Amino acid sequence: TGISFQAVRTFGACHADCEPLTTADTAAITKLWNQNHTSHWATRPVLITINGRKLAASMTAAFHAGLDSASNGAYVDNRSGDYGYGQNFDAIKGNGADGHFDIHFLNSTTHGTGVVNQNHQSCIRTAAGK
């Protein structure tokens, strides 16, 4: 697409939970998904550049488990994405996104089940040109 944005890994151990850096980055992510998918949970192949190194990855654009209006780490009700009560996973304030989105890499797993998600793995292969 030629569209790029910046994000920061703020949470996550089994895959990267990331947040857009600015409102412009949030707008770029939202534009990509609104133009190409019916759900922000849809997986999409992406290329991640870290310190000049490119990595094949897969991401969703569903901002979840956070509230920009609440302190990071606080326990709050009504977190984004219908996540209800729990710890607020929203570290970057003022970026126009409530919560974080997911980026998976080769053999990343989901947090809750520890399962490798095949939709993400397929997108990673696409991003890698395979």
N, C-alpha and C. Protein backbone atom coordinates (compact mmCIF):
# COMPACT_ATOMS: atom_id res chain seq x y z
N THR A 1 0.81 -1.21 0.00
CA THR A 1 0.00 0.00 0.00
C THR A 1 0.85 1.26 0.00
N GLY A 2 2.06 1.16 0.45
CA GLY A 2 2.92 2.33 0.57
C GLY A 2 2.61 3.18 1.79
N ILE A 3 1.64 2.76 2.59
CA ILE A 3 1.27 3.50 3.79
C ILE A 3 2.13 2.99 4.95
N SER A 4 2.71 3.92 5.68
CA SER A 4 3.51 3.52 6.83
C SER A 4 3.05 4.29 8.06
N PHE A 5 3.41 3.78 9.20
CA PHE A 5 3.08 4.41 10.47
C PHE A 5 4.08 3.94 11.50
N GLN A 6 4.14 4.64 12.62
CA GLN A 6 5.01 4.25 13.71
C GLN A 6 4.17 3.69 14.86
N ALA A 7 4.74 2.69 15.51
CA ALA A 7 4.09 2.08 16.66
C ALA A 7 5.16 1.69 17.66
N VAL A 8 4.73 1.48 18.90
CA VAL A 8 5.63 1.10 19.98
C VAL A 8 5.09 -0.16 20.64
N ARG A 9 5.97 -1.13 20.86
CA ARG A 9 5.57 -2.32 21.62
C ARG A 9 5.50 -1.91 23.08
N THR A 10 4.31 -2.00 23.64
CA THR A 10 4.12 -1.58 25.02
C THR A 10 3.86 -2.75 25.95
N PHE A 11 3.37 -3.85 25.43
CA PHE A 11 3.02 -5.02 26.25
C PHE A 11 3.24 -6.27 25.41
N GLY A 12 2.92 -7.41 26.00
CA GLY A 12 2.89 -8.66 25.25
C GLY A 12 4.13 -9.51 25.42
N ALA A 13 3.91 -10.81 25.59
CA ALA A 13 5.00 -11.76 25.71
C ALA A 13 4.93 -12.83 24.64
N CYS A 14 3.74 -13.23 24.24
CA CYS A 14 3.57 -14.28 23.24
C CYS A 14 3.49 -13.70 21.82
N HIS A 15 3.08 -12.47 21.74
CA HIS A 15 3.12 -11.66 20.53
C HIS A 15 3.23 -10.21 20.99
N ALA A 16 3.47 -9.31 20.07
CA ALA A 16 3.67 -7.91 20.46
C ALA A 16 2.34 -7.18 20.55
N ASP A 17 2.08 -6.60 21.70
CA ASP A 17 0.95 -5.69 21.88
C ASP A 17 1.51 -4.30 21.68
N CYS A 18 1.01 -3.60 20.67
CA CYS A 18 1.60 -2.33 20.25
C CYS A 18 0.58 -1.21 20.26
N GLU A 19 1.09 0.02 20.31
CA GLU A 19 0.23 1.20 20.25
C GLU A 19 0.79 2.17 19.22
N PRO A 20 -0.10 2.83 18.49
CA PRO A 20 0.37 3.87 17.57
C PRO A 20 1.01 4.99 18.36
N LEU A 21 2.04 5.61 17.78
CA LEU A 21 2.76 6.66 18.48
C LEU A 21 1.97 7.97 18.54
N THR A 22 1.30 8.32 17.44
CA THR A 22 0.60 9.61 17.35
C THR A 22 -0.80 9.42 16.78
N THR A 23 -1.59 10.49 16.79
CA THR A 23 -2.92 10.43 16.17
C THR A 23 -2.81 10.20 14.67
N ALA A 24 -1.77 10.72 14.02
CA ALA A 24 -1.57 10.47 12.59
C ALA A 24 -1.31 8.99 12.33
N ASP A 25 -0.57 8.34 13.21
CA ASP A 25 -0.32 6.90 13.07
C ASP A 25 -1.61 6.10 13.25
N THR A 26 -2.42 6.49 14.23
CA THR A 26 -3.71 5.85 14.44
C THR A 26 -4.59 6.01 13.22
N ALA A 27 -4.61 7.20 12.63
CA ALA A 27 -5.41 7.46 11.43
C ALA A 27 -4.94 6.60 10.26
N ALA A 28 -3.64 6.41 10.10
CA ALA A 28 -3.12 5.59 9.01
C ALA A 28 -3.55 4.13 9.18
N ILE A 29 -3.47 3.61 10.39
CA ILE A 29 -3.88 2.23 10.67
C ILE A 29 -5.37 2.07 10.38
N THR A 30 -6.17 2.98 10.91
CA THR A 30 -7.62 2.91 10.73
C THR A 30 -7.98 3.00 9.25
N LYS A 31 -7.32 3.86 8.51
CA LYS A 31 -7.59 4.01 7.07
C LYS A 31 -7.31 2.70 6.33
N LEU A 32 -6.18 2.07 6.63
CA LEU A 32 -5.84 0.80 5.98
C LEU A 32 -6.92 -0.25 6.19
N TRP A 33 -7.37 -0.42 7.42
CA TRP A 33 -8.37 -1.44 7.70
C TRP A 33 -9.74 -1.06 7.17
N ASN A 34 -10.13 0.19 7.30
CA ASN A 34 -11.45 0.60 6.81
C ASN A 34 -11.56 0.43 5.30
N GLN A 35 -10.46 0.59 4.57
CA GLN A 35 -10.47 0.44 3.12
C GLN A 35 -10.45 -1.00 2.67
N ASN A 36 -9.94 -1.90 3.51
CA ASN A 36 -9.66 -3.26 3.05
C ASN A 36 -10.35 -4.39 3.81
N HIS A 37 -10.99 -4.10 4.92
CA HIS A 37 -11.54 -5.18 5.75
C HIS A 37 -12.89 -4.77 6.34
N THR A 38 -13.69 -5.76 6.65
CA THR A 38 -14.96 -5.49 7.33
C THR A 38 -14.80 -5.54 8.84
N SER A 39 -13.68 -6.06 9.33
CA SER A 39 -13.43 -6.15 10.77
C SER A 39 -12.02 -5.67 11.07
N HIS A 40 -11.87 -4.93 12.15
CA HIS A 40 -10.53 -4.52 12.57
C HIS A 40 -9.75 -5.68 13.18
N TRP A 41 -10.45 -6.80 13.44
CA TRP A 41 -9.76 -8.01 13.90
C TRP A 41 -9.17 -8.81 12.74
N ALA A 42 -9.46 -8.42 11.50
CA ALA A 42 -8.90 -9.12 10.34
C ALA A 42 -7.38 -9.02 10.35
N THR A 43 -6.71 -10.13 10.05
CA THR A 43 -5.25 -10.14 9.99
C THR A 43 -4.78 -9.59 8.65
N ARG A 44 -3.61 -8.96 8.67
CA ARG A 44 -3.07 -8.33 7.46
C ARG A 44 -1.54 -8.50 7.46
N PRO A 45 -0.97 -8.88 6.30
CA PRO A 45 0.49 -8.95 6.22
C PRO A 45 1.10 -7.55 6.33
N VAL A 46 2.17 -7.44 7.09
CA VAL A 46 2.87 -6.16 7.23
C VAL A 46 4.37 -6.40 7.27
N LEU A 47 5.12 -5.39 6.94
CA LEU A 47 6.57 -5.41 7.11
C LEU A 47 6.91 -4.44 8.23
N ILE A 48 7.66 -4.92 9.18
CA ILE A 48 8.06 -4.12 10.33
C ILE A 48 9.54 -3.77 10.16
N THR A 49 9.87 -2.51 10.31
CA THR A 49 11.27 -2.09 10.25
C THR A 49 11.71 -1.68 11.65
N ILE A 50 12.74 -2.36 12.15
CA ILE A 50 13.31 -2.07 13.47
C ILE A 50 14.81 -1.91 13.30
N ASN A 51 15.30 -0.72 13.59
CA ASN A 51 16.74 -0.43 13.46
C ASN A 51 17.27 -0.83 12.09
N GLY A 52 16.50 -0.54 11.04
CA GLY A 52 16.92 -0.82 9.67
C GLY A 52 16.71 -2.24 9.21
N ARG A 53 16.28 -3.12 10.08
CA ARG A 53 16.03 -4.53 9.74
C ARG A 53 14.55 -4.72 9.46
N LYS A 54 14.21 -5.38 8.34
CA LYS A 54 12.81 -5.64 8.00
C LYS A 54 12.41 -7.04 8.42
N LEU A 55 11.23 -7.12 9.06
CA LEU A 55 10.70 -8.39 9.52
C LEU A 55 9.30 -8.59 8.98
N ALA A 56 9.02 -9.80 8.51
CA ALA A 56 7.67 -10.14 8.08
C ALA A 56 6.81 -10.35 9.31
N ALA A 57 5.59 -9.82 9.26
CA ALA A 57 4.70 -9.92 10.42
C ALA A 57 3.25 -9.90 9.96
N SER A 58 2.36 -10.03 10.93
CA SER A 58 0.92 -9.96 10.70
C SER A 58 0.33 -9.13 11.82
N MET A 59 -0.66 -8.32 11.49
CA MET A 59 -1.28 -7.52 12.55
C MET A 59 -2.77 -7.40 12.37
N THR A 60 -3.41 -7.01 13.46
CA THR A 60 -4.81 -6.62 13.45
C THR A 60 -4.85 -5.14 13.80
N ALA A 61 -5.97 -4.49 13.57
CA ALA A 61 -6.10 -3.07 13.90
C ALA A 61 -7.16 -2.84 14.97
N ALA A 62 -7.51 -3.89 15.68
CA ALA A 62 -8.53 -3.77 16.73
C ALA A 62 -7.88 -3.27 18.01
N PHE A 63 -8.09 -2.01 18.31
CA PHE A 63 -7.59 -1.45 19.55
C PHE A 63 -8.42 -2.03 20.70
N HIS A 64 -7.76 -2.61 21.68
CA HIS A 64 -8.51 -3.30 22.72
C HIS A 64 -7.80 -3.25 24.07
N ALA A 65 -8.59 -3.54 25.11
CA ALA A 65 -8.14 -3.69 26.49
C ALA A 65 -7.55 -2.42 27.09
N GLY A 66 -8.01 -1.26 26.63
CA GLY A 66 -7.48 -0.04 27.21
C GLY A 66 -8.41 1.15 27.10
N LEU A 67 -8.09 2.17 27.85
CA LEU A 67 -8.79 3.45 27.79
C LEU A 67 -7.76 4.55 27.85
N ASP A 68 -7.75 5.41 26.85
CA ASP A 68 -6.82 6.53 26.82
C ASP A 68 -7.04 7.46 28.01
N SER A 69 -8.26 7.51 28.49
CA SER A 69 -8.63 8.44 29.57
C SER A 69 -8.22 7.96 30.96
N ALA A 70 -7.75 6.72 31.08
CA ALA A 70 -7.39 6.17 32.38
C ALA A 70 -5.88 5.93 32.47
N SER A 71 -5.37 5.92 33.66
CA SER A 71 -3.93 5.68 33.88
C SER A 71 -3.54 4.29 33.40
N ASN A 72 -2.39 4.21 32.76
CA ASN A 72 -1.86 2.92 32.33
C ASN A 72 -1.67 2.01 33.54
N GLY A 73 -2.15 0.79 33.44
CA GLY A 73 -2.00 -0.19 34.50
C GLY A 73 -3.09 -0.18 35.54
N ALA A 74 -3.91 0.88 35.56
CA ALA A 74 -5.01 0.95 36.53
C ALA A 74 -6.06 -0.11 36.19
N TYR A 75 -6.81 -0.54 37.16
CA TYR A 75 -7.92 -1.47 36.91
C TYR A 75 -9.17 -0.64 36.67
N VAL A 76 -9.78 -0.85 35.50
CA VAL A 76 -10.90 -0.02 35.07
C VAL A 76 -12.00 -0.88 34.45
N ASP A 77 -13.20 -0.32 34.39
CA ASP A 77 -14.33 -0.94 33.71
C ASP A 77 -14.36 -0.47 32.26
N ASN A 78 -15.08 -1.20 31.44
CA ASN A 78 -15.40 -0.79 30.06
C ASN A 78 -14.18 -0.52 29.19
N ARG A 79 -13.18 -1.40 29.28
CA ARG A 79 -12.02 -1.25 28.39
C ARG A 79 -12.46 -1.47 26.95
N SER A 80 -11.71 -0.90 26.03
CA SER A 80 -12.06 -0.97 24.61
C SER A 80 -12.12 -2.42 24.12
N GLY A 81 -12.87 -2.61 23.03
CA GLY A 81 -13.01 -3.94 22.44
C GLY A 81 -13.86 -4.88 23.26
N ASP A 82 -14.76 -4.34 24.08
CA ASP A 82 -15.61 -5.15 24.94
C ASP A 82 -14.82 -6.00 25.93
N TYR A 83 -13.71 -5.50 26.40
CA TYR A 83 -12.87 -6.24 27.34
C TYR A 83 -13.29 -6.09 28.79
N GLY A 84 -14.27 -5.23 29.08
CA GLY A 84 -14.80 -5.14 30.43
C GLY A 84 -13.78 -4.71 31.46
N TYR A 85 -13.93 -5.22 32.69
CA TYR A 85 -13.07 -4.84 33.81
C TYR A 85 -11.72 -5.53 33.70
N GLY A 86 -10.67 -4.78 34.00
CA GLY A 86 -9.33 -5.36 34.03
C GLY A 86 -8.28 -4.28 33.99
N GLN A 87 -7.05 -4.72 33.85
CA GLN A 87 -5.93 -3.79 33.80
C GLN A 87 -5.95 -2.98 32.51
N ASN A 88 -5.72 -1.69 32.63
CA ASN A 88 -5.72 -0.79 31.46
C ASN A 88 -4.41 -0.91 30.70
N PHE A 89 -4.50 -1.46 29.49
CA PHE A 89 -3.35 -1.59 28.62
C PHE A 89 -3.36 -0.46 27.60
N ASP A 90 -3.10 0.73 28.07
CA ASP A 90 -3.01 1.92 27.21
C ASP A 90 -1.93 2.82 27.79
N ALA A 91 -0.71 2.65 27.29
CA ALA A 91 0.44 3.37 27.82
C ALA A 91 0.66 4.71 27.13
N ILE A 92 0.35 4.80 25.85
CA ILE A 92 0.60 6.02 25.09
C ILE A 92 -0.67 6.84 25.06
N LYS A 93 -0.64 7.98 25.70
CA LYS A 93 -1.83 8.84 25.82
C LYS A 93 -1.85 9.87 24.70
N GLY A 94 -3.07 10.24 24.27
CA GLY A 94 -3.24 11.29 23.28
C GLY A 94 -2.98 10.86 21.85
N ASN A 95 -2.94 9.54 21.60
CA ASN A 95 -2.70 9.05 20.25
C ASN A 95 -3.99 8.71 19.49
N GLY A 96 -5.13 8.95 20.11
CA GLY A 96 -6.40 8.68 19.45
C GLY A 96 -6.81 7.22 19.44
N ALA A 97 -6.13 6.39 20.20
CA ALA A 97 -6.44 4.96 20.25
C ALA A 97 -6.65 4.55 21.70
N ASP A 98 -7.71 3.83 21.95
CA ASP A 98 -7.95 3.24 23.26
C ASP A 98 -7.40 1.82 23.26
N GLY A 99 -6.31 1.60 23.98
CA GLY A 99 -5.74 0.27 24.06
C GLY A 99 -4.64 0.03 23.05
N HIS A 100 -4.44 -1.23 22.73
CA HIS A 100 -3.35 -1.64 21.86
C HIS A 100 -3.88 -2.56 20.76
N PHE A 101 -3.02 -2.85 19.78
CA PHE A 101 -3.33 -3.81 18.72
C PHE A 101 -2.26 -4.89 18.72
N ASP A 102 -2.51 -5.97 17.98
CA ASP A 102 -1.62 -7.13 18.00
C ASP A 102 -0.75 -7.22 16.76
N ILE A 103 0.52 -7.58 16.98
CA ILE A 103 1.43 -7.94 15.88
C ILE A 103 1.99 -9.31 16.21
N HIS A 104 1.87 -10.21 15.24
CA HIS A 104 2.42 -11.56 15.38
C HIS A 104 3.60 -11.73 14.44
N PHE A 105 4.58 -12.51 14.90
CA PHE A 105 5.74 -12.88 14.11
C PHE A 105 5.73 -14.40 13.95
N LEU A 106 6.70 -14.93 13.25
CA LEU A 106 6.76 -16.37 13.02
C LEU A 106 6.65 -17.13 14.33
N ASN A 107 5.67 -18.01 14.40
CA ASN A 107 5.40 -18.88 15.54
C ASN A 107 4.95 -18.15 16.81
N SER A 108 4.53 -16.90 16.69
CA SER A 108 3.92 -16.23 17.84
C SER A 108 2.65 -16.97 18.23
N THR A 109 2.29 -16.86 19.50
CA THR A 109 1.08 -17.51 19.98
C THR A 109 0.13 -16.46 20.58
N THR A 110 -1.09 -16.89 20.83
CA THR A 110 -2.05 -16.03 21.50
C THR A 110 -1.73 -16.02 23.00
N HIS A 111 -2.15 -14.97 23.69
CA HIS A 111 -1.86 -14.87 25.12
C HIS A 111 -2.58 -15.95 25.92
N GLY A 112 -3.88 -16.07 25.68
CA GLY A 112 -4.70 -16.92 26.52
C GLY A 112 -4.53 -18.40 26.29
N THR A 113 -4.32 -18.81 25.04
CA THR A 113 -4.31 -20.24 24.74
C THR A 113 -2.94 -20.80 24.43
N GLY A 114 -1.98 -19.94 24.10
CA GLY A 114 -0.67 -20.42 23.71
C GLY A 114 -0.65 -21.10 22.35
N VAL A 115 -1.69 -20.89 21.56
CA VAL A 115 -1.83 -21.52 20.25
C VAL A 115 -1.27 -20.61 19.16
N VAL A 116 -0.57 -21.20 18.19
CA VAL A 116 -0.12 -20.45 17.03
C VAL A 116 -1.32 -20.24 16.11
N ASN A 117 -1.65 -18.99 15.81
CA ASN A 117 -2.80 -18.65 14.99
C ASN A 117 -2.43 -18.78 13.51
N GLN A 118 -3.11 -19.68 12.80
CA GLN A 118 -2.76 -19.95 11.41
C GLN A 118 -3.07 -18.79 10.47
N ASN A 119 -4.08 -17.98 10.78
CA ASN A 119 -4.35 -16.80 9.95
C ASN A 119 -3.17 -15.83 10.00
N HIS A 120 -2.65 -15.61 11.20
CA HIS A 120 -1.47 -14.75 11.33
C HIS A 120 -0.28 -15.36 10.60
N GLN A 121 -0.08 -16.67 10.73
CA GLN A 121 1.07 -17.32 10.10
C GLN A 121 0.99 -17.23 8.58
N SER A 122 -0.19 -17.32 8.04
CA SER A 122 -0.39 -17.18 6.59
C SER A 122 -0.02 -15.76 6.13
N CYS A 123 -0.44 -14.77 6.91
CA CYS A 123 -0.09 -13.38 6.57
C CYS A 123 1.40 -13.13 6.67
N ILE A 124 2.06 -13.77 7.64
CA ILE A 124 3.52 -13.64 7.78
C ILE A 124 4.21 -14.20 6.57
N ARG A 125 3.76 -15.37 6.08
CA ARG A 125 4.35 -15.95 4.87
C ARG A 125 4.15 -15.03 3.67
N THR A 126 2.97 -14.41 3.57
CA THR A 126 2.70 -13.46 2.48
C THR A 126 3.64 -12.27 2.58
N ALA A 127 3.78 -11.72 3.78
CA ALA A 127 4.66 -10.57 3.97
C ALA A 127 6.11 -10.91 3.62
N ALA A 128 6.49 -12.17 3.84
CA ALA A 128 7.86 -12.62 3.55
C ALA A 128 8.04 -12.96 2.07
N GLY A 129 6.95 -12.89 1.30
CA GLY A 129 7.05 -13.21 -0.12
C GLY A 129 7.05 -14.69 -0.42
N LYS A 130 6.51 -15.49 0.49
CA LYS A 130 6.48 -16.96 0.30
C LYS A 130 5.09 -17.45 0.00
